[in-house]
Amino acid sequence: MSLDLGVFCKNTLDGEVVEHCFSALLGLAHNSDPSYLDWLMKAWGWTLAVAGLGLSIALILGIVMGTLRTLPNTSALNRFFIRLSTTWVELFRNIPILVQVFLWYHVIPAFILPLKSLPSYWLVSIALGFFTSARIAEQVRAGIQALPSGQAAAATALGLTTAQSYRYVILPMALRIVIPPLTSETMNLIKNSSVAFAVSVPELTLFAMQAQEETSKGVEIYLAVTLLYALSAFAVNRVMAQIEKRTRVPGFIASNDVSLAH
């Protein structure tokens, strides 16, 4: 079976062939007629925007909640933070992501009125960020617990407070340890961003569904979308691999989980 790649150079309005559509995409020619290729690239941009915003939210909340789960159980305030972070993790990782998207889009704005003014891609990004933050929190907790206990003891012996110990000693080492699982989580977030189609965010999955209906070229459309998802995930993998390489501490081996060192 031959592929009809010319479908991407058809006008989205009347189905006529758009001349120089690939050249226009590279900025080598000007074309005012919208093609399916233009639509595909814009959808890819929306996918990356939703995933990037969701990742930013997930990293901030995940690091905070993961750190709170490892606080020493020495005071009532610490116990409160431990219970709070544990509840956060168990709540958001046990509700399906699609349900969370619908909750943020249809339910929560009814109680938090300012959310009604937010565009749908923001609400999806928040849902993705909260869902992923629970998973990142567990990875950060595991990274902190994998550190040799002597590091925290040394920080205390130097007179550092608990906050200073986490900031200057524990977290810089723990975050290096969890880069490999963070890589997988970031790749998963890009794939999970496909749920945005459910609230009409014009990302890749919504493009594929609508373009396939209009052109009846499902093989070509879904193949292109699949390749862009794979390319996005591969790019994340390579970037994170470079970060891991540049931040690795020579000779360090985590004490509680040998697999983290590989």
C-alpha atoms as a PDB file:
ATOM      1  CA  MET A   1       0.000   0.000   0.000  1.00  0.00           C
ATOM      2  CA  SER A   2       1.382   3.395  -1.029  1.00  0.00           C
ATOM      3  CA  LEU A   3       1.105   6.434   1.217  1.00  0.00           C
ATOM      4  CA  ASP A   4      -0.543   9.591  -0.081  1.00  0.00           C
ATOM      5  CA  LEU A   5       1.586  12.235   1.610  1.00  0.00           C
ATOM      6  CA  GLY A   6       0.048  14.834  -0.653  1.00  0.00           C
ATOM      7  CA  VAL A   7      -2.893  14.939   1.739  1.00  0.00           C
ATOM      8  CA  PHE A   8      -0.867  17.275   3.935  1.00  0.00           C
ATOM      9  CA  CYS A   9      -0.647  19.818   1.118  1.00  0.00           C
ATOM     10  CA  LYS A  10      -4.404  20.047   0.665  1.00  0.00           C
ATOM     11  CA  ASN A  11      -6.359  23.105   1.673  1.00  0.00           C
ATOM     12  CA  THR A  12      -8.287  22.533   4.884  1.00  0.00           C
ATOM     13  CA  LEU A  13     -11.207  24.579   3.533  1.00  0.00           C
ATOM     14  CA  ASP A  14     -11.877  23.184   0.053  1.00  0.00           C
ATOM     15  CA  GLY A  15      -9.528  20.204  -0.286  1.00  0.00           C
ATOM     16  CA  GLU A  16      -7.608  21.734  -3.202  1.00  0.00           C
ATOM     17  CA  VAL A  17      -3.850  21.265  -3.427  1.00  0.00           C
ATOM     18  CA  VAL A  18      -1.852  24.079  -1.850  1.00  0.00           C
ATOM     19  CA  GLU A  19       1.291  24.869  -3.785  1.00  0.00           C
ATOM     20  CA  HIS A  20       4.646  25.123  -2.016  1.00  0.00           C
ATOM     21  CA  CYS A  21       3.173  23.971   1.319  1.00  0.00           C
ATOM     22  CA  PHE A  22       6.429  22.365   2.501  1.00  0.00           C
ATOM     23  CA  SER A  23       8.488  25.379   1.411  1.00  0.00           C
ATOM     24  CA  ALA A  24       6.073  27.704   3.190  1.00  0.00           C
ATOM     25  CA  LEU A  25       6.496  25.694   6.376  1.00  0.00           C
ATOM     26  CA  LEU A  26      10.267  26.280   6.234  1.00  0.00           C
ATOM     27  CA  GLY A  27       9.781  29.960   5.479  1.00  0.00           C
ATOM     28  CA  LEU A  28      11.109  29.591   1.929  1.00  0.00           C
ATOM     29  CA  ALA A  29       7.824  30.572   0.320  1.00  0.00           C
ATOM     30  CA  HIS A  30       4.657  32.440   1.214  1.00  0.00           C
ATOM     31  CA  ASN A  31       1.283  30.761   1.189  1.00  0.00           C
ATOM     32  CA  SER A  32      -1.908  32.239   2.564  1.00  0.00           C
ATOM     33  CA  ASP A  33      -3.989  29.075   2.163  1.00  0.00           C
ATOM     34  CA  PRO A  34      -4.063  26.875   5.303  1.00  0.00           C
ATOM     35  CA  SER A  35      -2.972  23.297   4.626  1.00  0.00           C
ATOM     36  CA  TYR A  36      -3.230  20.182   6.729  1.00  0.00           C
ATOM     37  CA  LEU A  37       0.517  20.424   7.229  1.00  0.00           C
ATOM     38  CA  ASP A  38       0.090  23.869   8.810  1.00  0.00           C
ATOM     39  CA  TRP A  39      -2.640  22.462  11.012  1.00  0.00           C
ATOM     40  CA  LEU A  40      -0.433  19.515  12.006  1.00  0.00           C
ATOM     41  CA  MET A  41       2.446  21.784  13.033  1.00  0.00           C
ATOM     42  CA  LYS A  42       0.156  24.043  15.069  1.00  0.00           C
ATOM     43  CA  ALA A  43      -1.306  20.980  16.783  1.00  0.00           C
ATOM     44  CA  TRP A  44       2.212  19.804  17.617  1.00  0.00           C
ATOM     45  CA  GLY A  45       2.918  23.212  19.134  1.00  0.00           C
ATOM     46  CA  TRP A  46      -0.184  22.934  21.320  1.00  0.00           C
ATOM     47  CA  THR A  47       0.879  19.463  22.463  1.00  0.00           C
ATOM     48  CA  LEU A  48       4.316  20.737  23.473  1.00  0.00           C
ATOM     49  CA  ALA A  49       2.816  23.817  25.159  1.00  0.00           C
ATOM     50  CA  VAL A  50       0.386  21.774  27.266  1.00  0.00           C
ATOM     51  CA  ALA A  51       3.105  19.255  28.162  1.00  0.00           C
ATOM     52  CA  GLY A  52       5.635  21.981  29.000  1.00  0.00           C
ATOM     53  CA  LEU A  53       3.245  23.891  31.227  1.00  0.00           C
ATOM     54  CA  GLY A  54       2.105  20.683  32.923  1.00  0.00           C
ATOM     55  CA  LEU A  55       5.716  19.655  33.524  1.00  0.00           C
ATOM     56  CA  SER A  56       6.545  23.007  35.135  1.00  0.00           C
ATOM     57  CA  ILE A  57       3.640  22.617  37.556  1.00  0.00           C
ATOM     58  CA  ALA A  58       4.489  18.972  38.222  1.00  0.00           C
ATOM     59  CA  LEU A  59       8.148  19.632  38.992  1.00  0.00           C
ATOM     60  CA  ILE A  60       7.442  22.423  41.470  1.00  0.00           C
ATOM     61  CA  LEU A  61       4.696  20.564  43.325  1.00  0.00           C
ATOM     62  CA  GLY A  62       6.385  17.164  43.033  1.00  0.00           C
ATOM     63  CA  ILE A  63       9.668  18.335  44.535  1.00  0.00           C
ATOM     64  CA  VAL A  64       7.869  20.139  47.367  1.00  0.00           C
ATOM     65  CA  MET A  65       5.558  17.224  48.208  1.00  0.00           C
ATOM     66  CA  GLY A  66       8.292  14.623  47.863  1.00  0.00           C
ATOM     67  CA  THR A  67      10.520  16.610  50.202  1.00  0.00           C
ATOM     68  CA  LEU A  68       7.759  17.070  52.786  1.00  0.00           C
ATOM     69  CA  ARG A  69       7.198  13.301  52.879  1.00  0.00           C
ATOM     70  CA  THR A  70      10.745  12.789  54.135  1.00  0.00           C
ATOM     71  CA  LEU A  71      10.750  15.346  56.949  1.00  0.00           C
ATOM     72  CA  PRO A  72      11.846  13.973  60.326  1.00  0.00           C
ATOM     73  CA  ASN A  73       8.846  13.031  62.467  1.00  0.00           C
ATOM     74  CA  THR A  74       9.975  15.213  65.346  1.00  0.00           C
ATOM     75  CA  SER A  75       7.304  17.888  65.683  1.00  0.00           C
ATOM     76  CA  ALA A  76       3.577  18.441  65.221  1.00  0.00           C
ATOM     77  CA  LEU A  77       4.232  20.762  62.272  1.00  0.00           C
ATOM     78  CA  ASN A  78       6.389  18.169  60.526  1.00  0.00           C
ATOM     79  CA  ARG A  79       3.751  15.499  61.088  1.00  0.00           C
ATOM     80  CA  PHE A  80       1.143  17.819  59.555  1.00  0.00           C
ATOM     81  CA  PHE A  81       3.292  18.335  56.460  1.00  0.00           C
ATOM     82  CA  ILE A  82       3.922  14.592  56.176  1.00  0.00           C
ATOM     83  CA  ARG A  83       0.186  13.838  56.314  1.00  0.00           C
ATOM     84  CA  LEU A  84      -0.572  16.645  53.853  1.00  0.00           C
ATOM     85  CA  SER A  85       1.954  15.444  51.277  1.00  0.00           C
ATOM     86  CA  THR A  86       0.903  11.801  51.700  1.00  0.00           C
ATOM     87  CA  THR A  87      -2.737  12.743  51.117  1.00  0.00           C
ATOM     88  CA  TRP A  88      -1.724  14.745  48.032  1.00  0.00           C
ATOM     89  CA  VAL A  89       0.147  11.809  46.515  1.00  0.00           C
ATOM     90  CA  GLU A  90      -2.542   9.237  47.231  1.00  0.00           C
ATOM     91  CA  LEU A  91      -5.325  11.512  45.968  1.00  0.00           C
ATOM     92  CA  PHE A  92      -3.894  12.617  42.645  1.00  0.00           C
ATOM     93  CA  ARG A  93      -2.173   9.417  41.589  1.00  0.00           C
ATOM     94  CA  ASN A  94      -5.278   7.268  42.216  1.00  0.00           C
ATOM     95  CA  ILE A  95      -7.738   9.276  40.094  1.00  0.00           C
ATOM     96  CA  PRO A  96      -7.556   8.597  36.321  1.00  0.00           C
ATOM     97  CA  ILE A  97      -6.066  11.516  34.413  1.00  0.00           C
ATOM     98  CA  LEU A  98      -9.072  11.860  32.090  1.00  0.00           C
ATOM     99  CA  VAL A  99     -11.390  12.143  35.105  1.00  0.00           C
ATOM    100  CA  GLN A 100      -9.133  14.829  36.560  1.00  0.00           C
ATOM    101  CA  VAL A 101      -9.272  16.768  33.294  1.00  0.00           C
ATOM    102  CA  PHE A 102     -13.082  16.706  33.359  1.00  0.00           C
ATOM    103  CA  LEU A 103     -13.081  17.735  37.032  1.00  0.00           C
ATOM    104  CA  TRP A 104     -10.875  20.753  36.333  1.00  0.00           C
ATOM    105  CA  TYR A 105     -12.864  21.687  33.235  1.00  0.00           C
ATOM    106  CA  HIS A 106     -16.458  21.119  34.384  1.00  0.00           C
ATOM    107  CA  VAL A 107     -16.570  20.889  38.194  1.00  0.00           C
ATOM    108  CA  ILE A 108     -13.857  22.840  39.984  1.00  0.00           C
ATOM    109  CA  PRO A 109     -14.509  26.178  38.148  1.00  0.00           C
ATOM    110  CA  ALA A 110     -18.040  26.060  39.587  1.00  0.00           C
ATOM    111  CA  PHE A 111     -16.501  26.397  43.073  1.00  0.00           C
ATOM    112  CA  ILE A 112     -13.431  28.496  42.199  1.00  0.00           C
ATOM    113  CA  LEU A 113     -14.946  31.157  39.963  1.00  0.00           C
ATOM    114  CA  PRO A 114     -11.679  32.742  38.667  1.00  0.00           C
ATOM    115  CA  LEU A 115     -10.902  29.432  36.938  1.00  0.00           C
ATOM    116  CA  LYS A 116     -13.833  30.024  34.584  1.00  0.00           C
ATOM    117  CA  SER A 117     -11.802  32.732  32.839  1.00  0.00           C
ATOM    118  CA  LEU A 118      -8.853  30.412  32.181  1.00  0.00           C
ATOM    119  CA  PRO A 119      -8.555  28.896  28.692  1.00  0.00           C
ATOM    120  CA  SER A 120      -9.018  25.142  28.399  1.00  0.00           C
ATOM    121  CA  TYR A 121      -5.334  24.424  27.773  1.00  0.00           C
ATOM    122  CA  TRP A 122      -4.488  25.960  31.159  1.00  0.00           C
ATOM    123  CA  LEU A 123      -7.014  23.753  32.926  1.00  0.00           C
ATOM    124  CA  VAL A 124      -5.682  20.648  31.163  1.00  0.00           C
ATOM    125  CA  SER A 125      -2.119  21.636  32.054  1.00  0.00           C
ATOM    126  CA  ILE A 126      -3.100  22.041  35.712  1.00  0.00           C
ATOM    127  CA  ALA A 127      -4.739  18.604  35.695  1.00  0.00           C
ATOM    128  CA  LEU A 128      -1.672  17.049  34.059  1.00  0.00           C
ATOM    129  CA  GLY A 129       0.640  18.894  36.448  1.00  0.00           C
ATOM    130  CA  PHE A 130      -1.196  17.755  39.581  1.00  0.00           C
ATOM    131  CA  PHE A 131      -1.454  14.165  38.346  1.00  0.00           C
ATOM    132  CA  THR A 132       2.225  14.007  37.425  1.00  0.00           C
ATOM    133  CA  SER A 133       3.330  15.830  40.589  1.00  0.00           C
ATOM    134  CA  ALA A 134       2.106  12.912  42.695  1.00  0.00           C
ATOM    135  CA  ARG A 135       4.320  10.534  40.721  1.00  0.00           C
ATOM    136  CA  ILE A 136       7.317  12.866  40.818  1.00  0.00           C
ATOM    137  CA  ALA A 137       6.842  13.302  44.578  1.00  0.00           C
ATOM    138  CA  GLU A 138       7.304   9.558  45.053  1.00  0.00           C
ATOM    139  CA  GLN A 139      10.437   9.618  42.905  1.00  0.00           C
ATOM    140  CA  VAL A 140      11.888  12.526  44.876  1.00  0.00           C
ATOM    141  CA  ARG A 141      11.053  10.761  48.148  1.00  0.00           C
ATOM    142  CA  ALA A 142      12.814   7.618  46.921  1.00  0.00           C
ATOM    143  CA  GLY A 143      15.832   9.668  45.840  1.00  0.00           C
ATOM    144  CA  ILE A 144      16.124  11.340  49.247  1.00  0.00           C
ATOM    145  CA  GLN A 145      15.771   8.033  51.078  1.00  0.00           C
ATOM    146  CA  ALA A 146      18.443   6.490  48.827  1.00  0.00           C
ATOM    147  CA  LEU A 147      21.055   8.939  50.098  1.00  0.00           C
ATOM    148  CA  PRO A 148      23.502   7.676  52.709  1.00  0.00           C
ATOM    149  CA  SER A 149      22.266   8.709  56.163  1.00  0.00           C
ATOM    150  CA  GLY A 150      25.685  10.160  56.905  1.00  0.00           C
ATOM    151  CA  GLN A 151      25.034  13.119  54.603  1.00  0.00           C
ATOM    152  CA  ALA A 152      22.130  14.407  56.688  1.00  0.00           C
ATOM    153  CA  ALA A 153      24.079  13.697  59.872  1.00  0.00           C
ATOM    154  CA  ALA A 154      27.065  15.648  58.553  1.00  0.00           C
ATOM    155  CA  ALA A 155      24.832  18.598  57.656  1.00  0.00           C
ATOM    156  CA  THR A 156      23.404  18.586  61.180  1.00  0.00           C
ATOM    157  CA  ALA A 157      26.899  18.380  62.655  1.00  0.00           C
ATOM    158  CA  LEU A 158      27.865  21.480  60.688  1.00  0.00           C
ATOM    159  CA  GLY A 159      25.054  23.366  62.380  1.00  0.00           C
ATOM    160  CA  LEU A 160      22.694  23.525  59.392  1.00  0.00           C
ATOM    161  CA  THR A 161      18.978  23.745  60.054  1.00  0.00           C
ATOM    162  CA  THR A 162      16.598  21.195  58.518  1.00  0.00           C
ATOM    163  CA  ALA A 163      15.694  23.629  55.739  1.00  0.00           C
ATOM    164  CA  GLN A 164      19.367  24.383  55.038  1.00  0.00           C
ATOM    165  CA  SER A 165      20.242  20.676  55.034  1.00  0.00           C
ATOM    166  CA  TYR A 166      17.603  19.985  52.382  1.00  0.00           C
ATOM    167  CA  ARG A 167      18.540  23.019  50.318  1.00  0.00           C
ATOM    168  CA  TYR A 168      22.317  22.670  50.291  1.00  0.00           C
ATOM    169  CA  VAL A 169      22.973  18.965  50.869  1.00  0.00           C
ATOM    170  CA  ILE A 170      20.052  16.567  50.439  1.00  0.00           C
ATOM    171  CA  LEU A 171      18.050  17.906  47.485  1.00  0.00           C
ATOM    172  CA  PRO A 172      21.021  18.660  45.186  1.00  0.00           C
ATOM    173  CA  MET A 173      22.109  15.026  45.506  1.00  0.00           C
ATOM    174  CA  ALA A 174      18.625  13.496  45.445  1.00  0.00           C
ATOM    175  CA  LEU A 175      17.583  15.345  42.291  1.00  0.00           C
ATOM    176  CA  ARG A 176      20.629  13.961  40.497  1.00  0.00           C
ATOM    177  CA  ILE A 177      19.588  10.442  41.474  1.00  0.00           C
ATOM    178  CA  VAL A 178      16.043  10.773  40.168  1.00  0.00           C
ATOM    179  CA  ILE A 179      16.895  12.126  36.702  1.00  0.00           C
ATOM    180  CA  PRO A 180      16.343   8.707  34.997  1.00  0.00           C
ATOM    181  CA  PRO A 181      12.807   8.219  36.381  1.00  0.00           C
ATOM    182  CA  LEU A 182      12.086  11.901  35.729  1.00  0.00           C
ATOM    183  CA  THR A 183      13.010  11.279  32.105  1.00  0.00           C
ATOM    184  CA  SER A 184      10.404   8.535  31.833  1.00  0.00           C
ATOM    185  CA  GLU A 185       7.841  10.699  33.626  1.00  0.00           C
ATOM    186  CA  THR A 186       8.428  13.603  31.234  1.00  0.00           C
ATOM    187  CA  MET A 187       8.018  11.305  28.246  1.00  0.00           C
ATOM    188  CA  ASN A 188       4.797   9.954  29.776  1.00  0.00           C
ATOM    189  CA  LEU A 189       3.516  13.489  30.299  1.00  0.00           C
ATOM    190  CA  ILE A 190       3.928  14.249  26.592  1.00  0.00           C
ATOM    191  CA  LYS A 191       1.878  11.167  25.788  1.00  0.00           C
ATOM    192  CA  ASN A 192      -0.686  11.941  28.485  1.00  0.00           C
ATOM    193  CA  SER A 193      -1.202  15.392  26.969  1.00  0.00           C
ATOM    194  CA  SER A 194      -3.361  13.635  24.369  1.00  0.00           C
ATOM    195  CA  VAL A 195      -6.254  13.772  26.872  1.00  0.00           C
ATOM    196  CA  ALA A 196      -6.500  17.492  26.041  1.00  0.00           C
ATOM    197  CA  PHE A 197      -8.573  16.547  22.994  1.00  0.00           C
ATOM    198  CA  ALA A 198     -11.452  15.779  25.395  1.00  0.00           C
ATOM    199  CA  VAL A 199     -11.895  19.502  26.125  1.00  0.00           C
ATOM    200  CA  SER A 200     -11.218  20.661  22.548  1.00  0.00           C
ATOM    201  CA  VAL A 201      -7.606  21.780  22.906  1.00  0.00           C
ATOM    202  CA  PRO A 202      -6.353  21.669  19.273  1.00  0.00           C
ATOM    203  CA  GLU A 203      -3.419  19.304  19.928  1.00  0.00           C
ATOM    204  CA  LEU A 204      -2.192  16.306  17.936  1.00  0.00           C
ATOM    205  CA  THR A 205      -4.839  13.770  18.893  1.00  0.00           C
ATOM    206  CA  LEU A 206      -7.705  16.149  18.128  1.00  0.00           C
ATOM    207  CA  PHE A 207      -6.034  17.038  14.827  1.00  0.00           C
ATOM    208  CA  ALA A 208      -5.741  13.354  13.932  1.00  0.00           C
ATOM    209  CA  MET A 209      -9.398  12.654  14.671  1.00  0.00           C
ATOM    210  CA  GLN A 210     -10.708  15.644  12.740  1.00  0.00           C
ATOM    211  CA  ALA A 211      -8.278  15.417   9.805  1.00  0.00           C
ATOM    212  CA  GLN A 212      -8.979  11.717   9.362  1.00  0.00           C
ATOM    213  CA  GLU A 213     -12.702  12.410   9.157  1.00  0.00           C
ATOM    214  CA  GLU A 214     -12.222  15.182   6.598  1.00  0.00           C
ATOM    215  CA  THR A 215      -9.682  13.439   4.366  1.00  0.00           C
ATOM    216  CA  SER A 216     -10.374   9.706   4.920  1.00  0.00           C
ATOM    217  CA  LYS A 217      -6.577   9.285   5.010  1.00  0.00           C
ATOM    218  CA  GLY A 218      -6.317   7.729   8.451  1.00  0.00           C
ATOM    219  CA  VAL A 219      -3.084   5.836   7.765  1.00  0.00           C
ATOM    220  CA  GLU A 220      -1.149   8.929   6.702  1.00  0.00           C
ATOM    221  CA  ILE A 221      -2.651  11.171   9.386  1.00  0.00           C
ATOM    222  CA  TYR A 222      -2.126   8.810  12.317  1.00  0.00           C
ATOM    223  CA  LEU A 223       1.334   7.827  11.098  1.00  0.00           C
ATOM    224  CA  ALA A 224       2.406  11.479  11.050  1.00  0.00           C
ATOM    225  CA  VAL A 225       0.963  12.114  14.514  1.00  0.00           C
ATOM    226  CA  THR A 226       2.652   8.983  15.880  1.00  0.00           C
ATOM    227  CA  LEU A 227       6.010  10.081  14.478  1.00  0.00           C
ATOM    228  CA  LEU A 228       5.683  13.520  16.102  1.00  0.00           C
ATOM    229  CA  TYR A 229       4.843  11.990  19.488  1.00  0.00           C
ATOM    230  CA  ALA A 230       7.850   9.660  19.138  1.00  0.00           C
ATOM    231  CA  LEU A 231      10.109  12.526  18.048  1.00  0.00           C
ATOM    232  CA  SER A 232       9.038  14.627  21.025  1.00  0.00           C
ATOM    233  CA  ALA A 233       9.692  11.775  23.468  1.00  0.00           C
ATOM    234  CA  PHE A 234      13.071  11.015  21.875  1.00  0.00           C
ATOM    235  CA  ALA A 235      14.122  14.664  22.134  1.00  0.00           C
ATOM    236  CA  VAL A 236      13.226  14.677  25.838  1.00  0.00           C
ATOM    237  CA  ASN A 237      15.212  11.477  26.329  1.00  0.00           C
ATOM    238  CA  ARG A 238      18.326  12.969  24.717  1.00  0.00           C
ATOM    239  CA  VAL A 239      18.092  16.260  26.628  1.00  0.00           C
ATOM    240  CA  MET A 240      17.647  14.498  29.964  1.00  0.00           C
ATOM    241  CA  ALA A 241      20.514  12.127  29.161  1.00  0.00           C
ATOM    242  CA  GLN A 242      22.795  15.122  28.678  1.00  0.00           C
ATOM    243  CA  ILE A 243      21.598  16.688  31.929  1.00  0.00           C
ATOM    244  CA  GLU A 244      22.240  13.412  33.757  1.00  0.00           C
ATOM    245  CA  LYS A 245      25.719  13.174  32.248  1.00  0.00           C
ATOM    246  CA  ARG A 246      26.666  16.722  33.206  1.00  0.00           C
ATOM    247  CA  THR A 247      25.302  16.544  36.756  1.00  0.00           C
ATOM    248  CA  ARG A 248      26.479  13.045  37.719  1.00  0.00           C
ATOM    249  CA  VAL A 249      28.589  12.925  40.865  1.00  0.00           C
ATOM    250  CA  PRO A 250      31.663  10.740  40.144  1.00  0.00           C
ATOM    251  CA  GLY A 251      31.866   7.663  42.345  1.00  0.00           C
ATOM    252  CA  PHE A 252      28.545   8.233  44.112  1.00  0.00           C
ATOM    253  CA  ILE A 253      26.420   5.155  44.841  1.00  0.00           C
ATOM    254  CA  ALA A 254      23.005   5.422  46.442  1.00  0.00           C
ATOM    255  CA  SER A 255      22.832   3.420  49.639  1.00  0.00           C
ATOM    256  CA  ASN A 256      19.258   2.109  49.732  1.00  0.00           C
ATOM    257  CA  ASP A 257      18.585   1.286  46.096  1.00  0.00           C
ATOM    258  CA  VAL A 258      21.501   0.026  44.046  1.00  0.00           C
ATOM    259  CA  SER A 259      19.432   0.172  40.863  1.00  0.00           C
ATOM    260  CA  LEU A 260      19.352   3.967  41.112  1.00  0.00           C
ATOM    261  CA  ALA A 261      23.078   4.058  40.462  1.00  0.00           C
ATOM    262  CA  HIS A 262      22.815   2.369  37.061  1.00  0.00           C
END
